[in-house]
Amino acid sequence: MFNFLKKKSISDKKSRVHVLVEGRVQGVFYRETCRKKAQRLGVTGWVMNLKDGKVEAVFEGEEVLVNKMVDWAKRGSIFASVDSFNVLEEDYKEEFKTFGIRYDL
Protein backbone atom coordinates (compact mmCIF):
# COMPACT_ATOMS: atom_id res chain seq x y z
CA MET A 1 0.00 0.00 0.00
CA PHE A 2 1.29 3.44 -0.92
CA ASN A 3 1.26 6.36 1.46
CA PHE A 4 0.78 9.54 -0.58
CA LEU A 5 0.62 11.83 2.42
CA LYS A 6 3.85 13.75 2.68
CA LYS A 7 5.20 13.95 6.20
CA LYS A 8 6.19 17.41 7.28
CA SER A 9 9.95 17.55 7.49
CA ILE A 10 11.86 19.63 10.01
CA SER A 11 12.81 22.07 7.26
CA ASP A 12 9.12 22.65 6.46
CA LYS A 13 8.36 23.92 9.97
CA LYS A 14 7.90 27.70 10.01
CA SER A 15 8.95 30.02 12.79
CA ARG A 16 8.83 33.68 13.80
CA VAL A 17 10.85 35.40 16.51
CA HIS A 18 11.14 38.95 17.78
CA VAL A 19 14.56 39.90 19.17
CA LEU A 20 15.95 42.81 21.15
CA VAL A 21 19.72 43.30 21.22
CA GLU A 22 21.64 45.54 23.59
CA GLY A 23 25.30 46.51 23.63
CA ARG A 24 27.56 48.13 21.04
CA VAL A 25 25.14 47.39 18.19
CA GLN A 26 24.65 50.76 16.52
CA GLY A 27 27.23 52.32 14.22
CA VAL A 28 28.94 48.95 13.73
CA PHE A 29 27.10 47.68 10.60
CA TYR A 30 24.85 45.42 12.68
CA ARG A 31 21.69 46.14 10.66
CA GLU A 32 23.32 45.89 7.24
CA THR A 33 25.13 42.68 8.12
CA CYS A 34 21.89 41.29 9.55
CA ARG A 35 20.03 42.17 6.35
CA LYS A 36 22.63 40.48 4.16
CA LYS A 37 22.70 37.34 6.33
CA ALA A 38 18.89 37.07 6.34
CA GLN A 39 18.69 37.54 2.58
CA ARG A 40 21.34 34.86 2.00
CA LEU A 41 19.40 32.44 4.20
CA GLY A 42 15.99 33.35 2.75
CA VAL A 43 14.65 34.64 6.07
CA THR A 44 12.14 37.49 5.92
CA GLY A 45 11.38 40.31 8.37
CA TRP A 46 13.13 43.48 9.44
CA VAL A 47 15.79 45.04 11.67
CA MET A 48 16.00 48.60 13.07
CA ASN A 49 17.85 50.82 15.51
CA LEU A 50 15.97 52.10 18.54
CA LYS A 51 16.46 55.51 20.11
CA ASP A 52 17.80 53.94 23.32
CA GLY A 53 20.77 52.36 21.48
CA LYS A 54 19.29 48.87 21.13
CA VAL A 55 18.49 46.99 17.93
CA GLU A 56 15.15 45.27 17.35
CA ALA A 57 14.42 42.63 14.70
CA VAL A 58 11.80 40.15 13.54
CA PHE A 59 12.82 36.97 11.70
CA GLU A 60 10.37 34.71 9.84
CA GLY A 61 10.93 31.60 7.78
CA GLU A 62 11.94 27.97 8.05
CA GLU A 63 12.63 27.22 11.70
CA VAL A 64 16.18 25.97 11.04
CA LEU A 65 17.04 29.19 9.19
CA VAL A 66 15.39 31.45 11.76
CA ASN A 67 17.46 29.68 14.43
CA LYS A 68 20.60 30.45 12.40
CA MET A 69 19.59 34.13 12.37
CA VAL A 70 19.05 34.08 16.13
CA ASP A 71 22.50 32.53 16.61
CA TRP A 72 24.01 35.21 14.38
CA ALA A 73 22.09 38.03 16.15
CA LYS A 74 23.51 36.94 19.53
CA ARG A 75 27.00 37.73 18.18
CA GLY A 76 26.24 40.40 15.60
CA SER A 77 28.58 41.97 13.10
CA ILE A 78 32.35 41.77 13.46
CA PHE A 79 32.50 45.18 15.21
CA ALA A 80 29.48 44.60 17.48
CA SER A 81 29.55 43.63 21.13
CA VAL A 82 26.27 42.12 22.37
CA ASP A 83 25.71 42.55 26.11
CA SER A 84 22.07 41.47 26.37
CA PHE A 85 19.87 39.45 24.04
CA ASN A 86 16.16 38.71 24.36
CA VAL A 87 14.16 36.52 22.01
CA LEU A 88 10.40 36.06 21.98
CA GLU A 89 8.79 33.32 19.91
CA GLU A 90 5.67 34.49 18.08
CA ASP A 91 3.06 32.88 15.85
CA TYR A 92 4.23 32.54 12.27
CA LYS A 93 2.28 35.02 10.14
CA GLU A 94 3.99 34.90 6.72
CA GLU A 95 3.82 38.68 6.96
CA PHE A 96 6.89 39.62 4.93
CA LYS A 97 8.11 39.04 1.39
CA THR A 98 11.72 40.15 2.00
CA PHE A 99 14.07 41.22 4.78
CA GLY A 100 14.76 44.91 5.18
CA ILE A 101 16.08 47.67 7.38
CA ARG A 102 13.45 49.87 8.99
CA TYR A 103 14.21 53.50 9.69
CA ASP A 104 10.95 54.60 11.31
CA LEU A 105 10.24 54.33 15.02
PDB file of N, CA and C in Angstrom:
ATOM      1  N   MET A   1       0.846  -1.181   0.000  1.00  0.00           N
ATOM      2  CA  MET A   1       0.000   0.000   0.000  1.00  0.00           C
ATOM      3  C   MET A   1       0.892   1.245   0.000  1.00  0.00           C
ATOM      4  N   PHE A   2       0.525   2.205  -0.805  1.00  0.00           N
ATOM      5  CA  PHE A   2       1.294   3.440  -0.923  1.00  0.00           C
ATOM      6  C   PHE A   2       0.748   4.502   0.018  1.00  0.00           C
ATOM      7  N   ASN A   3       1.653   5.254   0.606  1.00  0.00           N
ATOM      8  CA  ASN A   3       1.259   6.364   1.461  1.00  0.00           C
ATOM      9  C   ASN A   3       1.592   7.652   0.712  1.00  0.00           C
ATOM     10  N   PHE A   4       0.570   8.334   0.217  1.00  0.00           N
ATOM     11  CA  PHE A   4       0.779   9.538  -0.579  1.00  0.00           C
ATOM     12  C   PHE A   4       0.798  10.802   0.271  1.00  0.00           C
ATOM     13  N   LEU A   5       0.567  10.659   1.557  1.00  0.00           N
ATOM     14  CA  LEU A   5       0.618  11.828   2.422  1.00  0.00           C
ATOM     15  C   LEU A   5       2.073  12.139   2.743  1.00  0.00           C
ATOM     16  N   LYS A   6       2.470  13.347   2.426  1.00  0.00           N
ATOM     17  CA  LYS A   6       3.853  13.750   2.681  1.00  0.00           C
ATOM     18  C   LYS A   6       3.983  14.162   4.143  1.00  0.00           C
ATOM     19  N   LYS A   7       4.937  13.557   4.827  1.00  0.00           N
ATOM     20  CA  LYS A   7       5.202  13.951   6.195  1.00  0.00           C
ATOM     21  C   LYS A   7       5.904  15.296   6.194  1.00  0.00           C
ATOM     22  N   LYS A   8       5.570  16.101   7.169  1.00  0.00           N
ATOM     23  CA  LYS A   8       6.195  17.411   7.279  1.00  0.00           C
ATOM     24  C   LYS A   8       7.614  17.237   7.810  1.00  0.00           C
ATOM     25  N   SER A   9       8.572  17.671   7.043  1.00  0.00           N
ATOM     26  CA  SER A   9       9.955  17.552   7.489  1.00  0.00           C
ATOM     27  C   SER A   9      10.304  18.706   8.407  1.00  0.00           C
ATOM     28  N   ILE A  10      11.412  18.570   9.105  1.00  0.00           N
ATOM     29  CA  ILE A  10      11.856  19.632  10.009  1.00  0.00           C
ATOM     30  C   ILE A  10      12.045  20.934   9.249  1.00  0.00           C
ATOM     31  N   SER A  11      12.552  20.858   8.022  1.00  0.00           N
ATOM     32  CA  SER A  11      12.813  22.074   7.256  1.00  0.00           C
ATOM     33  C   SER A  11      11.530  22.755   6.792  1.00  0.00           C
ATOM     34  N   ASP A  12      10.393  22.047   6.847  1.00  0.00           N
ATOM     35  CA  ASP A  12       9.117  22.647   6.457  1.00  0.00           C
ATOM     36  C   ASP A  12       8.480  23.438   7.603  1.00  0.00           C
ATOM     37  N   LYS A  13       8.956  23.249   8.818  1.00  0.00           N
ATOM     38  CA  LYS A  13       8.364  23.919   9.966  1.00  0.00           C
ATOM     39  C   LYS A  13       8.721  25.403   9.934  1.00  0.00           C
ATOM     40  N   LYS A  14       7.705  26.249  10.073  1.00  0.00           N
ATOM     41  CA  LYS A  14       7.904  27.700  10.010  1.00  0.00           C
ATOM     42  C   LYS A  14       7.997  28.290  11.402  1.00  0.00           C
ATOM     43  N   SER A  15       8.703  29.398  11.499  1.00  0.00           N
ATOM     44  CA  SER A  15       8.954  30.024  12.786  1.00  0.00           C
ATOM     45  C   SER A  15       8.997  31.539  12.639  1.00  0.00           C
ATOM     46  N   ARG A  16       8.719  32.218  13.749  1.00  0.00           N
ATOM     47  CA  ARG A  16       8.825  33.680  13.803  1.00  0.00           C
ATOM     48  C   ARG A  16       9.324  34.051  15.196  1.00  0.00           C
ATOM     49  N   VAL A  17      10.338  34.912  15.233  1.00  0.00           N
ATOM     50  CA  VAL A  17      10.845  35.404  16.506  1.00  0.00           C
ATOM     51  C   VAL A  17      11.029  36.914  16.450  1.00  0.00           C
ATOM     52  N   HIS A  18      10.939  37.518  17.612  1.00  0.00           N
ATOM     53  CA  HIS A  18      11.142  38.955  17.782  1.00  0.00           C
ATOM     54  C   HIS A  18      12.321  39.090  18.743  1.00  0.00           C
ATOM     55  N   VAL A  19      13.367  39.797  18.330  1.00  0.00           N
ATOM     56  CA  VAL A  19      14.565  39.900  19.166  1.00  0.00           C
ATOM     57  C   VAL A  19      14.868  41.352  19.521  1.00  0.00           C
ATOM     58  N   LEU A  20      15.490  41.512  20.683  1.00  0.00           N
ATOM     59  CA  LEU A  20      15.946  42.813  21.152  1.00  0.00           C
ATOM     60  C   LEU A  20      17.396  42.634  21.594  1.00  0.00           C
ATOM     61  N   VAL A  21      18.281  43.451  21.008  1.00  0.00           N
ATOM     62  CA  VAL A  21      19.718  43.301  21.222  1.00  0.00           C
ATOM     63  C   VAL A  21      20.268  44.578  21.844  1.00  0.00           C
ATOM     64  N   GLU A  22      21.063  44.396  22.885  1.00  0.00           N
ATOM     65  CA  GLU A  22      21.642  45.538  23.585  1.00  0.00           C
ATOM     66  C   GLU A  22      23.156  45.382  23.650  1.00  0.00           C
ATOM     67  N   GLY A  23      23.844  46.498  23.570  1.00  0.00           N
ATOM     68  CA  GLY A  23      25.297  46.511  23.627  1.00  0.00           C
ATOM     69  C   GLY A  23      25.820  47.518  22.626  1.00  0.00           C
ATOM     70  N   ARG A  24      27.021  47.271  22.108  1.00  0.00           N
ATOM     71  CA  ARG A  24      27.555  48.131  21.042  1.00  0.00           C
ATOM     72  C   ARG A  24      27.034  47.551  19.724  1.00  0.00           C
ATOM     73  N   VAL A  25      25.808  47.962  19.360  1.00  0.00           N
ATOM     74  CA  VAL A  25      25.139  47.388  18.193  1.00  0.00           C
ATOM     75  C   VAL A  25      24.671  48.451  17.196  1.00  0.00           C
ATOM     76  N   GLN A  26      24.962  49.708  17.482  1.00  0.00           N
ATOM     77  CA  GLN A  26      24.654  50.761  16.520  1.00  0.00           C
ATOM     78  C   GLN A  26      25.960  51.401  16.067  1.00  0.00           C
ATOM     79  N   GLY A  27      26.017  51.735  14.779  1.00  0.00           N
ATOM     80  CA  GLY A  27      27.227  52.322  14.225  1.00  0.00           C
ATOM     81  C   GLY A  27      28.318  51.299  13.947  1.00  0.00           C
ATOM     82  N   VAL A  28      27.960  50.020  13.940  1.00  0.00           N
ATOM     83  CA  VAL A  28      28.941  48.952  13.726  1.00  0.00           C
ATOM     84  C   VAL A  28      28.479  47.986  12.619  1.00  0.00           C
ATOM     85  N   PHE A  29      27.611  48.452  11.742  1.00  0.00           N
ATOM     86  CA  PHE A  29      27.102  47.680  10.597  1.00  0.00           C
ATOM     87  C   PHE A  29      26.258  46.470  11.004  1.00  0.00           C
ATOM     88  N   TYR A  30      25.685  46.529  12.199  1.00  0.00           N
ATOM     89  CA  TYR A  30      24.854  45.423  12.679  1.00  0.00           C
ATOM     90  C   TYR A  30      23.647  45.207  11.757  1.00  0.00           C
ATOM     91  N   ARG A  31      22.905  46.281  11.482  1.00  0.00           N
ATOM     92  CA  ARG A  31      21.690  46.145  10.661  1.00  0.00           C
ATOM     93  C   ARG A  31      22.004  45.673   9.245  1.00  0.00           C
ATOM     94  N   GLU A  32      22.985  46.259   8.625  1.00  0.00           N
ATOM     95  CA  GLU A  32      23.320  45.889   7.241  1.00  0.00           C
ATOM     96  C   GLU A  32      23.811  44.447   7.160  1.00  0.00           C
ATOM     97  N   THR A  33      24.640  44.054   8.106  1.00  0.00           N
ATOM     98  CA  THR A  33      25.131  42.677   8.125  1.00  0.00           C
ATOM     99  C   THR A  33      23.980  41.710   8.392  1.00  0.00           C
ATOM    100  N   CYS A  34      23.076  42.094   9.264  1.00  0.00           N
ATOM    101  CA  CYS A  34      21.891  41.285   9.554  1.00  0.00           C
ATOM    102  C   CYS A  34      21.040  41.118   8.301  1.00  0.00           C
ATOM    103  N   ARG A  35      20.823  42.215   7.591  1.00  0.00           N
ATOM    104  CA  ARG A  35      20.026  42.170   6.355  1.00  0.00           C
ATOM    105  C   ARG A  35      20.653  41.221   5.341  1.00  0.00           C
ATOM    106  N   LYS A  36      21.942  41.340   5.137  1.00  0.00           N
ATOM    107  CA  LYS A  36      22.630  40.480   4.163  1.00  0.00           C
ATOM    108  C   LYS A  36      22.557  39.010   4.561  1.00  0.00           C
ATOM    109  N   LYS A  37      22.754  38.722   5.837  1.00  0.00           N
ATOM    110  CA  LYS A  37      22.696  37.343   6.326  1.00  0.00           C
ATOM    111  C   LYS A  37      21.288  36.768   6.128  1.00  0.00           C
ATOM    112  N   ALA A  38      20.285  37.527   6.483  1.00  0.00           N
ATOM    113  CA  ALA A  38      18.893  37.072   6.337  1.00  0.00           C
ATOM    114  C   ALA A  38      18.555  36.828   4.869  1.00  0.00           C
ATOM    115  N   GLN A  39      18.969  37.716   4.005  1.00  0.00           N
ATOM    116  CA  GLN A  39      18.691  37.545   2.582  1.00  0.00           C
ATOM    117  C   GLN A  39      19.395  36.313   2.030  1.00  0.00           C
ATOM    118  N   ARG A  40      20.627  36.065   2.442  1.00  0.00           N
ATOM    119  CA  ARG A  40      21.340  34.861   2.004  1.00  0.00           C
ATOM    120  C   ARG A  40      20.624  33.594   2.453  1.00  0.00           C
ATOM    121  N   LEU A  41      20.080  33.620   3.668  1.00  0.00           N
ATOM    122  CA  LEU A  41      19.395  32.442   4.204  1.00  0.00           C
ATOM    123  C   LEU A  41      17.957  32.303   3.703  1.00  0.00           C
ATOM    124  N   GLY A  42      17.388  33.386   3.172  1.00  0.00           N
ATOM    125  CA  GLY A  42      15.990  33.345   2.747  1.00  0.00           C
ATOM    126  C   GLY A  42      15.013  33.607   3.880  1.00  0.00           C
ATOM    127  N   VAL A  43      15.495  34.259   4.940  1.00  0.00           N
ATOM    128  CA  VAL A  43      14.652  34.637   6.073  1.00  0.00           C
ATOM    129  C   VAL A  43      14.058  36.013   5.784  1.00  0.00           C
ATOM    130  N   THR A  44      12.793  36.203   6.137  1.00  0.00           N
ATOM    131  CA  THR A  44      12.141  37.489   5.923  1.00  0.00           C
ATOM    132  C   THR A  44      11.964  38.213   7.258  1.00  0.00           C
ATOM    133  N   GLY A  45      11.620  39.500   7.175  1.00  0.00           N
ATOM    134  CA  GLY A  45      11.381  40.306   8.368  1.00  0.00           C
ATOM    135  C   GLY A  45      12.042  41.654   8.273  1.00  0.00           C
ATOM    136  N   TRP A  46      12.517  42.148   9.403  1.00  0.00           N
ATOM    137  CA  TRP A  46      13.128  43.478   9.442  1.00  0.00           C
ATOM    138  C   TRP A  46      14.059  43.621  10.641  1.00  0.00           C
ATOM    139  N   VAL A  47      14.893  44.670  10.575  1.00  0.00           N
ATOM    140  CA  VAL A  47      15.785  45.043  11.666  1.00  0.00           C
ATOM    141  C   VAL A  47      15.822  46.567  11.726  1.00  0.00           C
ATOM    142  N   MET A  48      15.911  47.136  12.953  1.00  0.00           N
ATOM    143  CA  MET A  48      15.997  48.597  13.067  1.00  0.00           C
ATOM    144  C   MET A  48      16.664  49.013  14.367  1.00  0.00           C
ATOM    145  N   ASN A  49      17.276  50.198  14.323  1.00  0.00           N
ATOM    146  CA  ASN A  49      17.846  50.818  15.508  1.00  0.00           C
ATOM    147  C   ASN A  49      16.735  51.442  16.335  1.00  0.00           C
ATOM    148  N   LEU A  50      16.886  51.406  17.642  1.00  0.00           N
ATOM    149  CA  LEU A  50      15.974  52.096  18.544  1.00  0.00           C
ATOM    150  C   LEU A  50      16.663  53.310  19.132  1.00  0.00           C
ATOM    151  N   LYS A  51      15.887  54.276  19.574  1.00  0.00           N
ATOM    152  CA  LYS A  51      16.456  55.511  20.113  1.00  0.00           C
ATOM    153  C   LYS A  51      17.315  55.277  21.352  1.00  0.00           C
ATOM    154  N   ASP A  52      17.052  54.207  22.086  1.00  0.00           N
ATOM    155  CA  ASP A  52      17.803  53.938  23.316  1.00  0.00           C
ATOM    156  C   ASP A  52      19.118  53.190  23.074  1.00  0.00           C
ATOM    157  N   GLY A  53      19.499  53.008  21.806  1.00  0.00           N
ATOM    158  CA  GLY A  53      20.767  52.363  21.476  1.00  0.00           C
ATOM    159  C   GLY A  53      20.667  50.876  21.204  1.00  0.00           C
ATOM    160  N   LYS A  54      19.489  50.289  21.387  1.00  0.00           N
ATOM    161  CA  LYS A  54      19.290  48.870  21.128  1.00  0.00           C
ATOM    162  C   LYS A  54      18.934  48.646  19.661  1.00  0.00           C
ATOM    163  N   VAL A  55      18.947  47.387  19.264  1.00  0.00           N
ATOM    164  CA  VAL A  55      18.494  46.990  17.932  1.00  0.00           C
ATOM    165  C   VAL A  55      17.355  45.989  18.119  1.00  0.00           C
ATOM    166  N   GLU A  56      16.319  46.147  17.317  1.00  0.00           N
ATOM    167  CA  GLU A  56      15.150  45.268  17.350  1.00  0.00           C
ATOM    168  C   GLU A  56      15.019  44.603  15.991  1.00  0.00           C
ATOM    169  N   ALA A  57      14.581  43.342  15.976  1.00  0.00           N
ATOM    170  CA  ALA A  57      14.416  42.634  14.703  1.00  0.00           C
ATOM    171  C   ALA A  57      13.317  41.589  14.818  1.00  0.00           C
ATOM    172  N   VAL A  58      12.750  41.250  13.670  1.00  0.00           N
ATOM    173  CA  VAL A  58      11.795  40.148  13.541  1.00  0.00           C
ATOM    174  C   VAL A  58      12.307  39.256  12.417  1.00  0.00           C
ATOM    175  N   PHE A  59      12.388  37.956  12.693  1.00  0.00           N
ATOM    176  CA  PHE A  59      12.816  36.966  11.704  1.00  0.00           C
ATOM    177  C   PHE A  59      11.685  35.973  11.478  1.00  0.00           C
ATOM    178  N   GLU A  60      11.374  35.712  10.201  1.00  0.00           N
ATOM    179  CA  GLU A  60      10.372  34.714   9.837  1.00  0.00           C
ATOM    180  C   GLU A  60      10.918  33.799   8.758  1.00  0.00           C
ATOM    181  N   GLY A  61      10.527  32.531   8.822  1.00  0.00           N
ATOM    182  CA  GLY A  61      10.926  31.598   7.783  1.00  0.00           C
ATOM    183  C   GLY A  61      10.996  30.186   8.311  1.00  0.00           C
ATOM    184  N   GLU A  62      11.754  29.344   7.603  1.00  0.00           N
ATOM    185  CA  GLU A  62      11.940  27.974   8.052  1.00  0.00           C
ATOM    186  C   GLU A  62      12.631  28.011   9.414  1.00  0.00           C
ATOM    187  N   GLU A  63      12.139  27.196  10.326  1.00  0.00           N
ATOM    188  CA  GLU A  63      12.631  27.220  11.698  1.00  0.00           C
ATOM    189  C   GLU A  63      14.154  27.080  11.791  1.00  0.00           C
ATOM    190  N   VAL A  64      14.725  26.178  11.024  1.00  0.00           N
ATOM    191  CA  VAL A  64      16.177  25.974  11.039  1.00  0.00           C
ATOM    192  C   VAL A  64      16.906  27.254  10.652  1.00  0.00           C
ATOM    193  N   LEU A  65      16.393  27.962   9.657  1.00  0.00           N
ATOM    194  CA  LEU A  65      17.042  29.190   9.191  1.00  0.00           C
ATOM    195  C   LEU A  65      16.833  30.348  10.161  1.00  0.00           C
ATOM    196  N   VAL A  66      15.652  30.423  10.746  1.00  0.00           N
ATOM    197  CA  VAL A  66      15.394  31.447  11.765  1.00  0.00           C
ATOM    198  C   VAL A  66      16.328  31.224  12.949  1.00  0.00           C
ATOM    199  N   ASN A  67      16.528  29.978  13.335  1.00  0.00           N
ATOM    200  CA  ASN A  67      17.463  29.678  14.429  1.00  0.00           C
ATOM    201  C   ASN A  67      18.882  30.117  14.084  1.00  0.00           C
ATOM    202  N   LYS A  68      19.272  29.974  12.824  1.00  0.00           N
ATOM    203  CA  LYS A  68      20.599  30.451  12.399  1.00  0.00           C
ATOM    204  C   LYS A  68      20.692  31.969  12.536  1.00  0.00           C
ATOM    205  N   MET A  69      19.603  32.665  12.221  1.00  0.00           N
ATOM    206  CA  MET A  69      19.591  34.128  12.369  1.00  0.00           C
ATOM    207  C   MET A  69      19.685  34.514  13.839  1.00  0.00           C
ATOM    208  N   VAL A  70      18.987  33.798  14.697  1.00  0.00           N
ATOM    209  CA  VAL A  70      19.053  34.076  16.134  1.00  0.00           C
ATOM    210  C   VAL A  70      20.482  33.861  16.635  1.00  0.00           C
ATOM    211  N   ASP A  71      21.105  32.780  16.214  1.00  0.00           N
ATOM    212  CA  ASP A  71      22.500  32.528  16.608  1.00  0.00           C
ATOM    213  C   ASP A  71      23.413  33.652  16.136  1.00  0.00           C
ATOM    214  N   TRP A  72      23.197  34.114  14.898  1.00  0.00           N
ATOM    215  CA  TRP A  72      24.006  35.215  14.380  1.00  0.00           C
ATOM    216  C   TRP A  72      23.741  36.485  15.200  1.00  0.00           C
ATOM    217  N   ALA A  73      22.472  36.792  15.462  1.00  0.00           N
ATOM    218  CA  ALA A  73      22.094  38.026  16.154  1.00  0.00           C
ATOM    219  C   ALA A  73      22.680  38.100  17.563  1.00  0.00           C
ATOM    220  N   LYS A  74      22.905  36.965  18.188  1.00  0.00           N
ATOM    221  CA  LYS A  74      23.512  36.944  19.525  1.00  0.00           C
ATOM    222  C   LYS A  74      24.957  37.427  19.493  1.00  0.00           C
ATOM    223  N   ARG A  75      25.614  37.281  18.347  1.00  0.00           N
ATOM    224  CA  ARG A  75      26.999  37.729  18.180  1.00  0.00           C
ATOM    225  C   ARG A  75      27.054  39.068  17.452  1.00  0.00           C
ATOM    226  N   GLY A  76      26.278  39.176  16.385  1.00  0.00           N
ATOM    227  CA  GLY A  76      26.244  40.401  15.601  1.00  0.00           C
ATOM    228  C   GLY A  76      27.383  40.515  14.613  1.00  0.00           C
ATOM    229  N   SER A  77      27.535  41.702  14.085  1.00  0.00           N
ATOM    230  CA  SER A  77      28.582  41.974  13.102  1.00  0.00           C
ATOM    231  C   SER A  77      29.949  41.907  13.772  1.00  0.00           C
ATOM    232  N   ILE A  78      30.978  41.923  12.964  1.00  0.00           N
ATOM    233  CA  ILE A  78      32.348  41.772  13.463  1.00  0.00           C
ATOM    234  C   ILE A  78      32.723  42.864  14.467  1.00  0.00           C
ATOM    235  N   PHE A  79      32.158  44.062  14.328  1.00  0.00           N
ATOM    236  CA  PHE A  79      32.502  45.176  15.212  1.00  0.00           C
ATOM    237  C   PHE A  79      31.545  45.316  16.392  1.00  0.00           C
ATOM    238  N   ALA A  80      30.481  44.515  16.415  1.00  0.00           N
ATOM    239  CA  ALA A  80      29.481  44.599  17.480  1.00  0.00           C
ATOM    240  C   ALA A  80      29.949  43.895  18.750  1.00  0.00           C
ATOM    241  N   SER A  81      29.337  44.291  19.845  1.00  0.00           N
ATOM    242  CA  SER A  81      29.549  43.628  21.126  1.00  0.00           C
ATOM    243  C   SER A  81      28.187  43.520  21.812  1.00  0.00           C
ATOM    244  N   VAL A  82      27.611  42.331  21.815  1.00  0.00           N
ATOM    245  CA  VAL A  82      26.274  42.121  22.368  1.00  0.00           C
ATOM    246  C   VAL A  82      26.386  41.850  23.860  1.00  0.00           C
ATOM    247  N   ASP A  83      25.713  42.696  24.659  1.00  0.00           N
ATOM    248  CA  ASP A  83      25.707  42.550  26.113  1.00  0.00           C
ATOM    249  C   ASP A  83      24.463  41.821  26.612  1.00  0.00           C
ATOM    250  N   SER A  84      23.337  42.053  25.942  1.00  0.00           N
ATOM    251  CA  SER A  84      22.071  41.468  26.369  1.00  0.00           C
ATOM    252  C   SER A  84      21.270  41.092  25.130  1.00  0.00           C
ATOM    253  N   PHE A  85      20.610  39.945  25.201  1.00  0.00           N
ATOM    254  CA  PHE A  85      19.867  39.450  24.044  1.00  0.00           C
ATOM    255  C   PHE A  85      18.574  38.802  24.526  1.00  0.00           C
ATOM    256  N   ASN A  86      17.460  39.275  24.019  1.00  0.00           N
ATOM    257  CA  ASN A  86      16.164  38.707  24.363  1.00  0.00           C
ATOM    258  C   ASN A  86      15.471  38.236  23.097  1.00  0.00           C
ATOM    259  N   VAL A  87      14.871  37.059  23.164  1.00  0.00           N
ATOM    260  CA  VAL A  87      14.158  36.519  22.013  1.00  0.00           C
ATOM    261  C   VAL A  87      12.776  36.057  22.471  1.00  0.00           C
ATOM    262  N   LEU A  88      11.779  36.420  21.693  1.00  0.00           N
ATOM    263  CA  LEU A  88      10.399  36.055  21.975  1.00  0.00           C
ATOM    264  C   LEU A  88       9.844  35.308  20.768  1.00  0.00           C
ATOM    265  N   GLU A  89       9.414  34.080  20.991  1.00  0.00           N
ATOM    266  CA  GLU A  89       8.793  33.320  19.907  1.00  0.00           C
ATOM    267  C   GLU A  89       7.376  33.841  19.691  1.00  0.00           C
ATOM    268  N   GLU A  90       7.002  34.005  18.443  1.00  0.00           N
ATOM    269  CA  GLU A  90       5.670  34.489  18.082  1.00  0.00           C
ATOM    270  C   GLU A  90       5.038  33.524  17.090  1.00  0.00           C
ATOM    271  N   ASP A  91       3.753  33.687  16.855  1.00  0.00           N
ATOM    272  CA  ASP A  91       3.064  32.876  15.854  1.00  0.00           C
ATOM    273  C   ASP A  91       3.551  33.277  14.468  1.00  0.00           C
ATOM    274  N   TYR A  92       3.822  32.281  13.653  1.00  0.00           N
ATOM    275  CA  TYR A  92       4.235  32.539  12.275  1.00  0.00           C
ATOM    276  C   TYR A  92       3.072  33.173  11.525  1.00  0.00           C
ATOM    277  N   LYS A  93       3.331  34.271  10.825  1.00  0.00           N
ATOM    278  CA  LYS A  93       2.277  35.016  10.136  1.00  0.00           C
ATOM    279  C   LYS A  93       2.475  35.099   8.630  1.00  0.00           C
ATOM    280  N   GLU A  94       3.658  34.723   8.138  1.00  0.00           N
ATOM    281  CA  GLU A  94       3.987  34.903   6.722  1.00  0.00           C
ATOM    282  C   GLU A  94       3.676  36.338   6.298  1.00  0.00           C
ATOM    283  N   GLU A  95       4.133  37.266   7.121  1.00  0.00           N
ATOM    284  CA  GLU A  95       3.816  38.684   6.963  1.00  0.00           C
ATOM    285  C   GLU A  95       4.704  39.397   5.945  1.00  0.00           C
ATOM    286  N   PHE A  96       5.912  38.897   5.731  1.00  0.00           N
ATOM    287  CA  PHE A  96       6.889  39.625   4.931  1.00  0.00           C
ATOM    288  C   PHE A  96       7.270  38.877   3.665  1.00  0.00           C
ATOM    289  N   LYS A  97       7.638  39.626   2.645  1.00  0.00           N
ATOM    290  CA  LYS A  97       8.106  39.035   1.394  1.00  0.00           C
ATOM    291  C   LYS A  97       9.631  39.039   1.320  1.00  0.00           C
ATOM    292  N   THR A  98      10.265  39.991   2.015  1.00  0.00           N
ATOM    293  CA  THR A  98      11.719  40.151   1.996  1.00  0.00           C
ATOM    294  C   THR A  98      12.205  40.477   3.405  1.00  0.00           C
ATOM    295  N   PHE A  99      13.503  40.746   3.521  1.00  0.00           N
ATOM    296  CA  PHE A  99      14.070  41.220   4.776  1.00  0.00           C
ATOM    297  C   PHE A  99      14.640  42.605   4.528  1.00  0.00           C
ATOM    298  N   GLY A 100      14.288  43.557   5.387  1.00  0.00           N
ATOM    299  CA  GLY A 100      14.765  44.912   5.181  1.00  0.00           C
ATOM    300  C   GLY A 100      15.133  45.632   6.454  1.00  0.00           C
ATOM    301  N   ILE A 101      15.734  46.781   6.270  1.00  0.00           N
ATOM    302  CA  ILE A 101      16.082  47.671   7.384  1.00  0.00           C
ATOM    303  C   ILE A 101      14.963  48.688   7.514  1.00  0.00           C
ATOM    304  N   ARG A 102      14.459  48.848   8.717  1.00  0.00           N
ATOM    305  CA  ARG A 102      13.447  49.873   8.994  1.00  0.00           C
ATOM    306  C   ARG A 102      14.138  51.087   9.594  1.00  0.00           C
ATOM    307  N   TYR A 103      13.635  52.249   9.202  1.00  0.00           N
ATOM    308  CA  TYR A 103      14.209  53.501   9.693  1.00  0.00           C
ATOM    309  C   TYR A 103      13.226  54.303  10.528  1.00  0.00           C
ATOM    310  N   ASP A 104      11.965  53.893  10.544  1.00  0.00           N
ATOM    311  CA  ASP A 104      10.954  54.603  11.310  1.00  0.00           C
ATOM    312  C   ASP A 104      10.818  54.013  12.700  1.00  0.00           C
ATOM    313  N   LEU A 105      10.438  54.817  13.645  1.00  0.00           N
ATOM    314  CA  LEU A 105      10.244  54.333  15.017  1.00  0.00           C
ATOM    315  C   LEU A 105       8.777  54.304  15.346  1.00  0.00           C
TER     316      LEU A 105
END
